[in-house]
Amino acid sequence: MSNEIIKGGSFLIEDAENISIFTPEDFTEEQRMIAKTAEDYVAGEVVPVIEDLEAQKEGLM
């Protein structure tokens, strides 16, 4: 895998290296658990107060 910086929209027309493509099927059980934890947190703690967060309401933290 190279650390080459992709310029402009070249990522749309150049072939991607197989190693740089991630799919959910490639995730480990631990990675799936971390993703589920993050999803649950956002659904339970962030979404209910999203309007207040967007309005930068005092006292949310």
N, C-alpha and C. Protein backbone atom coordinates (compact mmCIF):
# COMPACT_ATOMS: atom_id res chain seq x y z
N MET A 1 0.85 -1.18 0.00
CA MET A 1 0.00 0.00 0.00
C MET A 1 0.89 1.24 0.00
N SER A 2 0.62 2.16 -0.89
CA SER A 2 1.43 3.36 -0.97
C SER A 2 0.80 4.47 -0.15
N ASN A 3 1.63 5.41 0.23
CA ASN A 3 1.15 6.57 0.97
C ASN A 3 1.05 7.78 0.04
N GLU A 4 0.81 7.51 -1.24
CA GLU A 4 0.71 8.55 -2.24
C GLU A 4 -0.54 9.39 -2.01
N ILE A 5 -0.38 10.70 -2.13
CA ILE A 5 -1.51 11.60 -1.97
C ILE A 5 -2.30 11.63 -3.27
N ILE A 6 -3.59 11.40 -3.17
CA ILE A 6 -4.45 11.41 -4.35
C ILE A 6 -4.89 12.85 -4.60
N LYS A 7 -4.66 13.32 -5.82
CA LYS A 7 -4.98 14.71 -6.15
C LYS A 7 -6.28 14.80 -6.92
N GLY A 8 -7.05 15.82 -6.63
CA GLY A 8 -8.28 16.07 -7.36
C GLY A 8 -9.22 14.89 -7.36
N GLY A 9 -9.80 14.61 -8.50
CA GLY A 9 -10.76 13.51 -8.63
C GLY A 9 -10.13 12.26 -9.19
N SER A 10 -8.80 12.14 -9.09
CA SER A 10 -8.14 10.97 -9.68
C SER A 10 -8.62 9.66 -9.08
N PHE A 11 -9.11 9.70 -7.86
CA PHE A 11 -9.61 8.47 -7.24
C PHE A 11 -10.81 7.91 -8.00
N LEU A 12 -11.45 8.74 -8.80
CA LEU A 12 -12.60 8.29 -9.58
C LEU A 12 -12.21 7.54 -10.85
N ILE A 13 -11.03 7.83 -11.38
CA ILE A 13 -10.65 7.24 -12.66
C ILE A 13 -9.49 6.27 -12.58
N GLU A 14 -8.76 6.27 -11.47
CA GLU A 14 -7.63 5.36 -11.32
C GLU A 14 -8.06 4.11 -10.57
N ASP A 15 -7.40 3.00 -10.88
CA ASP A 15 -7.67 1.75 -10.19
C ASP A 15 -7.24 1.84 -8.73
N ALA A 16 -8.04 1.28 -7.84
CA ALA A 16 -7.71 1.24 -6.42
C ALA A 16 -6.97 -0.05 -6.11
N GLU A 17 -6.05 0.04 -5.15
CA GLU A 17 -5.36 -1.16 -4.71
C GLU A 17 -6.34 -2.00 -3.89
N ASN A 18 -6.32 -3.30 -4.06
CA ASN A 18 -7.23 -4.18 -3.33
C ASN A 18 -7.09 -4.01 -1.82
N ILE A 19 -5.90 -3.77 -1.34
CA ILE A 19 -5.66 -3.67 0.10
C ILE A 19 -6.34 -2.43 0.69
N SER A 20 -6.63 -1.41 -0.13
CA SER A 20 -7.20 -0.17 0.40
C SER A 20 -8.73 -0.16 0.39
N ILE A 21 -9.34 -1.24 -0.05
CA ILE A 21 -10.80 -1.31 -0.10
C ILE A 21 -11.31 -2.08 1.11
N PHE A 22 -12.22 -1.44 1.87
CA PHE A 22 -12.79 -2.08 3.05
C PHE A 22 -14.26 -2.35 2.80
N THR A 23 -14.70 -3.52 3.19
CA THR A 23 -16.12 -3.86 3.13
C THR A 23 -16.52 -4.41 4.49
N PRO A 24 -17.79 -4.31 4.86
CA PRO A 24 -18.22 -4.82 6.16
C PRO A 24 -17.87 -6.29 6.38
N GLU A 25 -17.82 -7.05 5.31
CA GLU A 25 -17.48 -8.47 5.44
C GLU A 25 -16.04 -8.68 5.91
N ASP A 26 -15.18 -7.68 5.73
CA ASP A 26 -13.78 -7.79 6.13
C ASP A 26 -13.56 -7.42 7.60
N PHE A 27 -14.55 -6.83 8.26
CA PHE A 27 -14.38 -6.39 9.64
C PHE A 27 -14.31 -7.58 10.58
N THR A 28 -13.52 -7.41 11.64
CA THR A 28 -13.44 -8.44 12.68
C THR A 28 -14.65 -8.29 13.60
N GLU A 29 -14.86 -9.28 14.43
CA GLU A 29 -15.96 -9.22 15.40
C GLU A 29 -15.79 -8.02 16.32
N GLU A 30 -14.55 -7.73 16.73
CA GLU A 30 -14.29 -6.59 17.60
C GLU A 30 -14.64 -5.27 16.89
N GLN A 31 -14.28 -5.15 15.63
CA GLN A 31 -14.61 -3.94 14.88
C GLN A 31 -16.12 -3.78 14.74
N ARG A 32 -16.83 -4.87 14.54
CA ARG A 32 -18.29 -4.81 14.45
C ARG A 32 -18.90 -4.37 15.79
N MET A 33 -18.33 -4.85 16.89
CA MET A 33 -18.83 -4.48 18.22
C MET A 33 -18.60 -2.99 18.48
N ILE A 34 -17.44 -2.48 18.08
CA ILE A 34 -17.14 -1.05 18.26
C ILE A 34 -18.11 -0.21 17.43
N ALA A 35 -18.37 -0.62 16.20
CA ALA A 35 -19.31 0.09 15.33
C ALA A 35 -20.71 0.09 15.94
N LYS A 36 -21.13 -1.04 16.46
CA LYS A 36 -22.46 -1.16 17.08
C LYS A 36 -22.56 -0.26 18.31
N THR A 37 -21.49 -0.21 19.11
CA THR A 37 -21.47 0.65 20.28
C THR A 37 -21.60 2.11 19.88
N ALA A 38 -20.87 2.52 18.84
CA ALA A 38 -20.94 3.90 18.36
C ALA A 38 -22.34 4.22 17.82
N GLU A 39 -22.92 3.30 17.07
CA GLU A 39 -24.27 3.51 16.53
C GLU A 39 -25.29 3.64 17.65
N ASP A 40 -25.18 2.78 18.65
CA ASP A 40 -26.12 2.83 19.79
C ASP A 40 -25.98 4.14 20.56
N TYR A 41 -24.74 4.61 20.74
CA TYR A 41 -24.50 5.86 21.45
C TYR A 41 -25.14 7.03 20.70
N VAL A 42 -24.88 7.10 19.41
CA VAL A 42 -25.43 8.20 18.61
C VAL A 42 -26.96 8.16 18.64
N ALA A 43 -27.53 6.98 18.47
CA ALA A 43 -28.99 6.86 18.46
C ALA A 43 -29.60 7.22 19.81
N GLY A 44 -28.93 6.88 20.90
CA GLY A 44 -29.49 7.10 22.23
C GLY A 44 -29.15 8.42 22.87
N GLU A 45 -27.98 8.98 22.54
CA GLU A 45 -27.51 10.19 23.22
C GLU A 45 -27.44 11.43 22.34
N VAL A 46 -27.20 11.27 21.07
CA VAL A 46 -27.02 12.42 20.19
C VAL A 46 -28.31 12.78 19.45
N VAL A 47 -28.92 11.80 18.81
CA VAL A 47 -30.12 12.07 18.01
C VAL A 47 -31.22 12.75 18.83
N PRO A 48 -31.47 12.33 20.07
CA PRO A 48 -32.55 12.98 20.83
C PRO A 48 -32.32 14.48 21.09
N VAL A 49 -31.09 14.93 21.07
CA VAL A 49 -30.80 16.34 21.35
C VAL A 49 -30.16 17.05 20.16
N ILE A 50 -30.34 16.50 18.97
CA ILE A 50 -29.68 17.05 17.79
C ILE A 50 -30.05 18.51 17.54
N GLU A 51 -31.29 18.87 17.76
CA GLU A 51 -31.72 20.26 17.54
C GLU A 51 -30.99 21.20 18.50
N ASP A 52 -30.88 20.79 19.77
CA ASP A 52 -30.17 21.60 20.76
C ASP A 52 -28.68 21.70 20.42
N LEU A 53 -28.10 20.62 19.93
CA LEU A 53 -26.70 20.64 19.54
C LEU A 53 -26.48 21.59 18.37
N GLU A 54 -27.34 21.52 17.38
CA GLU A 54 -27.22 22.40 16.22
C GLU A 54 -27.38 23.87 16.62
N ALA A 55 -28.22 24.13 17.60
CA ALA A 55 -28.44 25.50 18.08
C ALA A 55 -27.37 25.93 19.08
N GLN A 56 -26.44 25.04 19.40
CA GLN A 56 -25.36 25.28 20.37
C GLN A 56 -25.91 25.76 21.71
N LYS A 57 -26.95 25.09 22.16
CA LYS A 57 -27.60 25.42 23.42
C LYS A 57 -26.63 25.21 24.58
N GLU A 58 -26.67 26.12 25.53
CA GLU A 58 -25.81 26.04 26.71
C GLU A 58 -26.19 24.85 27.59
N GLY A 59 -25.21 24.28 28.28
CA GLY A 59 -25.46 23.25 29.28
C GLY A 59 -25.59 21.84 28.75
N LEU A 60 -25.27 21.59 27.51
CA LEU A 60 -25.39 20.24 26.98
C LEU A 60 -24.24 19.33 27.41
N MET A 61 -23.15 19.90 27.74
CA MET A 61 -22.00 19.08 28.12
C MET A 61 -21.92 18.90 29.61
